[in-house]
Amino acid sequence: MTVTWTNLEKVSINKNGAAGMNVIEIRGLKKSFGKQEALKGVDLSVKQGEVYGFIGPNGAGKSTTIRILLGMLRKDSGEVILLGGDPWHDAVELHRRIAYVPGDFTLWPDLTGGEVIDFLGRLNGGFDSSFRRELVERFQLDLRKKSKAYSKGNRQKVALITALSSNAELLILDEPTSGLDPLMELIFQEYILKAKKAGKTVFLSSHILAEVEAVCDRVGIIRQGKIVESGTLEDLRHLTRTTVTAEFANLNIDLHQLPGVYDTSQEGEKWRFSVDASAMEGVMRILAPLGLKSLKAEPATLEELFMRHYGDGLKEAL
């Protein structure tokens, strides 16, 4: 399914935008398939103009949540507000204000990439043609090729160019860089930040943790149908440990005996260890007068945070 966009002036639901409100508001969302509970009371909110990362293991409920946001599934209970409307009852009008990029974008096989983008643009209110040309150049897409000749990565480029050049207020992206090479992933990140600067809101579901870390203002982690952590990266880092590399002229204490210090290793005068966020200030106060020659503190990356918080099982499932 492809959700595209149209002239925003035709929209009656909150057509003046989402200023001062949450673009997405989900409270107590539940959804079951038979006896299987897919969502067990999801709560999350996405603010206007932010990039929100939505991540978690396979089967955690990411796709179900997105399908409910798009009006493709009906919730069992709870409240879901999208751009001030109900995504199930107001789907037609809301779809005119959002652009959706799935992880596998299906095209009309006998149309060229350019014809697909032009068709979707004309069908739903147009796009910024000069910006589209810029995107085509940056993503290195040959618009003359038939869609059936495109690789998966090139099909994703068509979807991304169409969405990014649209007038959509909200971009809902579900594994949007699937099939792209690392260079194209960086270009994607660049244009997501440009979309944010232009005032658009982005809801990004991705298993590429470095990508989420690079572009997202806040992150929500869903696991087994529930949001288990939510906040800025700085907020989440307070839940884990910082890796410290320090060099001492003459260290005369046993580091691993200090409260909150773990995983100590030594190579000559250089020590490497991790410190709980809550213990960092106290540990630094103890170490400062002990012949400290150099110190480097590295906050946990998003991947390290998840692995420490949930263990290797999460990494395998992402």
Protein backbone atom coordinates (compact mmCIF):
# COMPACT_ATOMS: atom_id res chain seq x y z
CA MET A 1 0.00 0.00 0.00
CA THR A 2 1.19 3.51 -0.81
CA VAL A 3 -0.21 6.53 1.00
CA THR A 4 0.57 9.75 -0.75
CA TRP A 5 -0.49 13.39 -0.50
CA THR A 6 -2.54 16.16 -2.00
CA ASN A 7 -3.35 19.86 -1.70
CA LEU A 8 -3.48 20.63 2.00
CA GLU A 9 -6.17 23.28 1.50
CA LYS A 10 -8.68 20.55 0.67
CA VAL A 11 -8.37 19.02 4.11
CA SER A 12 -11.02 19.82 6.70
CA ILE A 13 -9.46 18.09 9.72
CA ASN A 14 -7.19 20.51 11.55
CA LYS A 15 -6.04 21.90 8.20
CA ASN A 16 -4.19 24.77 9.80
CA GLY A 17 -1.53 22.35 10.97
CA ALA A 18 -0.51 20.79 14.22
CA ALA A 19 1.15 23.79 15.82
CA GLY A 20 1.18 23.48 19.58
CA MET A 21 -0.07 19.90 19.54
CA ASN A 22 1.18 16.37 19.17
CA VAL A 23 1.03 15.20 15.58
CA ILE A 24 0.61 11.62 16.83
CA GLU A 25 -1.01 10.76 20.15
CA ILE A 26 -1.49 7.12 21.18
CA ARG A 27 -2.87 6.11 24.56
CA GLY A 28 -3.61 2.60 25.78
CA LEU A 29 -3.62 1.13 22.27
CA LYS A 30 -4.49 -2.56 22.15
CA LYS A 31 -4.81 -4.94 19.22
CA SER A 32 -5.14 -8.72 19.12
CA PHE A 33 -5.23 -11.25 16.32
CA GLY A 34 -7.25 -14.11 17.69
CA LYS A 35 -5.68 -15.03 21.01
CA GLN A 36 -2.40 -13.32 20.12
CA GLU A 37 -1.99 -9.88 21.71
CA ALA A 38 0.04 -7.78 19.29
CA LEU A 39 -0.30 -4.49 21.20
CA LYS A 40 -0.81 -4.46 24.96
CA GLY A 41 -1.47 -0.83 25.78
CA VAL A 42 0.92 1.26 23.71
CA ASP A 43 1.43 4.88 24.78
CA LEU A 44 3.46 7.30 22.69
CA SER A 45 3.36 10.83 21.37
CA VAL A 46 5.15 12.59 18.53
CA LYS A 47 5.54 16.36 18.56
CA GLN A 48 5.21 18.64 15.58
CA GLY A 49 8.51 19.11 13.76
CA GLU A 50 10.43 16.30 15.45
CA VAL A 51 11.97 13.11 14.12
CA TYR A 52 10.76 10.21 16.24
CA GLY A 53 12.51 6.84 16.10
CA PHE A 54 10.33 3.77 16.63
CA ILE A 55 12.39 0.65 17.17
CA GLY A 56 12.25 -2.81 18.67
CA PRO A 57 12.68 -6.50 17.92
CA ASN A 58 10.86 -8.23 15.09
CA GLY A 59 7.34 -9.11 16.18
CA ALA A 60 7.32 -6.40 18.85
CA GLY A 61 4.36 -4.54 17.35
CA LYS A 62 6.00 -1.89 15.13
CA SER A 63 4.20 -2.81 11.91
CA THR A 64 0.86 -3.28 13.67
CA THR A 65 1.15 0.19 15.19
CA ILE A 66 2.00 1.74 11.82
CA ARG A 67 -0.89 -0.04 10.08
CA ILE A 68 -3.28 1.35 12.70
CA LEU A 69 -1.84 4.85 12.18
CA LEU A 70 -2.44 4.50 8.45
CA GLY A 71 -6.03 3.33 8.91
CA MET A 72 -5.23 -0.11 7.50
CA LEU A 73 -6.15 -1.85 10.76
CA ARG A 74 -8.84 -1.03 13.29
CA LYS A 75 -7.76 -0.85 16.91
CA ASP A 76 -9.45 -3.00 19.55
CA SER A 77 -9.27 -0.31 22.22
CA GLY A 78 -7.37 2.79 23.25
CA GLU A 79 -7.08 6.19 21.62
CA VAL A 80 -5.19 7.10 18.45
CA ILE A 81 -5.10 10.68 17.19
CA LEU A 82 -3.25 11.51 13.97
CA LEU A 83 -2.99 15.17 12.91
CA GLY A 84 -6.04 15.88 15.03
CA GLY A 85 -8.17 13.16 13.41
CA ASP A 86 -9.04 9.50 13.79
CA PRO A 87 -6.93 7.38 11.40
CA TRP A 88 -9.72 4.84 10.93
CA HIS A 89 -12.74 7.10 10.44
CA ASP A 90 -10.90 10.01 8.82
CA ALA A 91 -8.47 7.97 6.72
CA VAL A 92 -9.25 9.57 3.35
CA GLU A 93 -8.68 13.13 4.53
CA LEU A 94 -5.66 12.25 6.67
CA HIS A 95 -3.95 10.38 3.84
CA ARG A 96 -3.84 13.66 1.92
CA ARG A 97 -1.53 15.07 4.57
CA ILE A 98 0.93 12.23 5.02
CA ALA A 99 3.52 10.41 2.94
CA TYR A 100 4.20 6.76 3.69
CA VAL A 101 7.26 4.80 2.62
CA PRO A 102 7.14 1.05 3.29
CA GLY A 103 10.14 -1.25 3.49
CA ASP A 104 9.31 -2.79 0.12
CA PHE A 105 7.86 -0.39 -2.44
CA THR A 106 5.94 -2.03 -5.31
CA LEU A 107 5.83 -0.12 -8.61
CA TRP A 108 3.91 -0.42 -11.86
CA PRO A 109 6.35 -2.58 -13.85
CA ASP A 110 5.88 -0.98 -17.29
CA LEU A 111 6.18 2.63 -16.11
CA THR A 112 9.53 4.35 -15.80
CA GLY A 113 10.63 5.71 -12.46
CA GLY A 114 9.97 9.24 -13.69
CA GLU A 115 6.47 8.32 -14.83
CA VAL A 116 5.69 6.77 -11.45
CA ILE A 117 6.80 9.88 -9.57
CA ASP A 118 4.96 12.18 -12.00
CA PHE A 119 1.79 10.10 -11.79
CA LEU A 120 1.72 10.06 -8.01
CA GLY A 121 2.42 13.77 -7.93
CA ARG A 122 -0.36 14.68 -10.39
CA LEU A 123 -2.78 12.30 -8.72
CA ASN A 124 -2.40 13.85 -5.33
CA GLY A 125 -1.72 17.54 -5.62
CA GLY A 126 1.79 17.89 -6.99
CA PHE A 127 5.26 18.32 -5.56
CA ASP A 128 8.22 20.67 -5.60
CA SER A 129 9.65 19.96 -9.07
CA SER A 130 12.99 21.68 -8.50
CA PHE A 131 13.48 19.88 -5.21
CA ARG A 132 12.54 16.63 -6.91
CA ARG A 133 15.29 17.16 -9.51
CA GLU A 134 17.77 17.74 -6.69
CA LEU A 135 16.67 14.52 -4.98
CA VAL A 136 16.93 12.52 -8.21
CA GLU A 137 20.48 13.77 -8.70
CA ARG A 138 21.56 13.13 -5.12
CA PHE A 139 20.03 9.65 -4.99
CA GLN A 140 21.52 8.89 -8.44
CA LEU A 141 18.28 7.49 -9.84
CA ASP A 142 17.87 6.89 -13.58
CA LEU A 143 14.27 8.00 -14.21
CA ARG A 144 14.28 6.57 -17.76
CA LYS A 145 14.42 2.94 -16.68
CA LYS A 146 11.29 0.80 -16.49
CA SER A 147 10.30 0.03 -12.94
CA LYS A 148 10.56 -3.70 -13.58
CA ALA A 149 14.30 -3.21 -14.19
CA TYR A 150 14.86 -1.52 -10.84
CA SER A 151 16.63 -3.20 -7.97
CA LYS A 152 15.07 -3.09 -4.52
CA GLY A 153 17.29 -0.15 -3.64
CA ASN A 154 16.16 1.82 -6.69
CA ARG A 155 12.50 1.11 -5.90
CA GLN A 156 13.13 2.56 -2.45
CA LYS A 157 14.69 5.63 -4.06
CA VAL A 158 11.49 6.19 -6.05
CA ALA A 159 9.47 6.01 -2.84
CA LEU A 160 11.80 8.33 -0.94
CA ILE A 161 12.01 10.93 -3.72
CA THR A 162 8.23 10.91 -4.03
CA ALA A 163 7.72 11.34 -0.29
CA LEU A 164 10.47 13.87 0.36
CA SER A 165 9.43 16.14 -2.52
CA SER A 166 5.78 16.11 -1.46
CA ASN A 167 3.76 18.67 0.49
CA ALA A 168 3.09 16.15 3.25
CA GLU A 169 3.10 17.40 6.84
CA LEU A 170 3.95 13.99 8.24
CA LEU A 171 6.31 11.33 6.87
CA ILE A 172 5.69 7.79 8.12
CA LEU A 173 8.71 5.71 7.16
CA ASP A 174 8.86 1.97 7.79
CA GLU A 175 12.38 0.63 7.13
CA PRO A 176 12.80 3.28 4.39
CA THR A 177 16.48 2.58 3.63
CA SER A 178 15.99 -1.13 3.06
CA GLY A 179 18.11 -2.02 0.02
CA LEU A 180 20.11 1.23 0.00
CA ASP A 181 23.90 1.22 0.14
CA PRO A 182 25.72 3.08 2.96
CA LEU A 183 26.27 6.22 0.85
CA MET A 184 22.58 6.46 0.00
CA GLU A 185 21.73 5.93 3.68
CA LEU A 186 23.80 9.01 4.51
CA ILE A 187 22.00 11.03 1.85
CA PHE A 188 18.68 9.83 3.28
CA GLN A 189 19.74 11.07 6.72
CA GLU A 190 20.70 14.44 5.25
CA TYR A 191 17.26 14.93 3.71
CA ILE A 192 15.41 13.77 6.80
CA LEU A 193 17.16 16.54 8.72
CA LYS A 194 16.19 18.97 5.93
CA ALA A 195 12.57 17.84 6.22
CA LYS A 196 12.72 18.54 9.93
CA LYS A 197 14.21 21.99 9.29
CA ALA A 198 11.30 22.67 6.92
CA GLY A 199 8.88 21.97 9.77
CA LYS A 200 7.81 18.47 8.79
CA THR A 201 7.33 15.67 11.29
CA VAL A 202 8.94 12.27 10.74
CA PHE A 203 7.93 8.95 12.29
CA LEU A 204 10.82 6.59 11.51
CA SER A 205 10.74 2.86 12.13
CA SER A 206 14.16 1.37 11.44
CA HIS A 207 16.37 -1.51 12.55
CA ILE A 208 19.48 0.52 11.67
CA LEU A 209 20.32 1.90 15.09
CA ALA A 210 23.07 4.23 13.85
CA GLU A 211 20.53 5.79 11.48
CA VAL A 212 18.07 6.39 14.31
CA GLU A 213 20.82 7.83 16.48
CA ALA A 214 21.91 10.22 13.71
CA VAL A 215 18.54 11.81 12.93
CA CYS A 216 16.05 11.26 15.74
CA ASP A 217 15.16 13.74 18.46
CA ARG A 218 13.41 11.11 20.56
CA VAL A 219 13.19 7.35 20.51
CA GLY A 220 10.52 4.89 21.57
CA ILE A 221 11.41 1.23 22.10
CA ILE A 222 8.60 -1.26 21.69
CA ARG A 223 8.93 -4.82 22.94
CA GLN A 224 6.27 -7.50 23.20
CA GLY A 225 3.53 -5.01 22.39
CA LYS A 226 4.50 -2.35 24.93
CA ILE A 227 6.64 0.79 24.93
CA VAL A 228 9.40 -0.11 27.37
CA GLU A 229 11.52 3.05 27.06
CA SER A 230 10.90 6.47 25.55
CA GLY A 231 12.82 9.72 25.55
CA THR A 232 15.75 11.59 24.07
CA LEU A 233 19.03 9.74 23.62
CA GLU A 234 20.39 11.73 26.54
CA ASP A 235 17.46 10.57 28.68
CA LEU A 236 18.07 6.96 27.72
CA ARG A 237 21.80 7.18 28.33
CA HIS A 238 21.08 7.95 31.96
CA LEU A 239 19.76 4.39 32.17
CA THR A 240 23.07 2.80 31.19
CA ARG A 241 26.85 3.09 31.57
CA THR A 242 29.53 5.33 30.12
CA THR A 243 32.78 3.81 28.85
CA VAL A 244 35.84 5.55 30.31
CA THR A 245 39.45 5.34 29.13
CA ALA A 246 41.88 6.88 31.63
CA GLU A 247 45.65 7.05 32.03
CA PHE A 248 47.20 7.29 35.49
CA ALA A 249 50.77 8.03 36.55
CA ASN A 250 50.38 5.99 39.71
CA LEU A 251 47.01 4.40 40.45
CA ASN A 252 47.02 2.95 43.94
CA ILE A 253 43.41 1.81 44.28
CA ASP A 254 41.51 -1.17 42.93
CA LEU A 255 39.14 0.28 40.34
CA HIS A 256 36.72 -2.61 40.27
CA GLN A 257 36.06 -2.11 43.98
CA LEU A 258 34.56 1.33 43.35
CA PRO A 259 30.74 1.43 43.43
CA GLY A 260 29.26 1.61 39.95
CA VAL A 261 32.46 0.58 38.12
CA TYR A 262 32.43 -2.51 35.87
CA ASP A 263 34.39 -4.27 33.14
CA THR A 264 37.84 -2.99 34.14
CA SER A 265 40.86 -3.75 31.96
CA GLN A 266 44.45 -2.47 32.06
CA GLU A 267 47.23 -1.98 29.53
CA GLY A 268 50.25 -0.33 31.12
CA GLU A 269 49.15 2.97 32.64
CA LYS A 270 45.94 2.99 30.61
CA TRP A 271 42.69 1.68 32.11
CA ARG A 272 39.35 1.08 30.44
CA PHE A 273 36.15 0.59 32.43
CA SER A 274 32.44 1.36 32.40
CA VAL A 275 30.59 3.46 34.96
CA ASP A 276 26.90 3.66 35.83
CA ALA A 277 25.52 7.09 34.95
CA SER A 278 24.38 7.58 38.53
CA ALA A 279 27.90 6.84 39.87
CA MET A 280 29.93 8.89 37.37
CA GLU A 281 30.29 12.06 39.45
CA GLY A 282 31.44 10.17 42.55
CA VAL A 283 33.93 8.03 40.62
CA MET A 284 35.46 11.08 38.92
CA ARG A 285 35.81 12.79 42.29
CA ILE A 286 37.79 9.80 43.61
CA LEU A 287 40.00 9.46 40.54
CA ALA A 288 40.86 13.13 39.95
CA PRO A 289 43.63 13.39 42.60
CA LEU A 290 45.18 9.99 41.81
CA GLY A 291 47.73 11.01 39.19
CA LEU A 292 45.21 11.24 36.37
CA LYS A 293 47.06 12.07 33.13
CA SER A 294 44.25 11.78 30.59
CA LEU A 295 40.60 10.79 30.49
CA LYS A 296 38.10 10.10 27.74
CA ALA A 297 34.44 9.39 28.47
CA GLU A 298 32.29 7.91 25.70
CA PRO A 299 28.51 7.92 26.21
CA ALA A 300 26.86 4.70 25.14
CA THR A 301 25.79 4.48 21.53
CA LEU A 302 22.17 3.63 20.89
CA GLU A 303 23.13 0.05 20.06
CA GLU A 304 25.20 -0.32 23.23
CA LEU A 305 22.35 1.10 25.25
CA PHE A 306 19.93 -1.45 23.87
CA MET A 307 22.31 -4.35 24.24
CA ARG A 308 23.10 -3.50 27.85
CA HIS A 309 19.45 -2.91 28.68
CA TYR A 310 17.97 -5.94 26.94
CA GLY A 311 20.83 -8.33 26.27
CA ASP A 312 21.94 -10.08 23.11
CA GLY A 313 18.46 -11.41 22.40
CA LEU A 314 17.32 -7.97 21.33
CA LYS A 315 20.24 -7.50 18.93
CA GLU A 316 19.45 -10.77 17.21
CA ALA A 317 15.81 -9.80 16.81
CA LEU A 318 16.29 -6.25 15.54
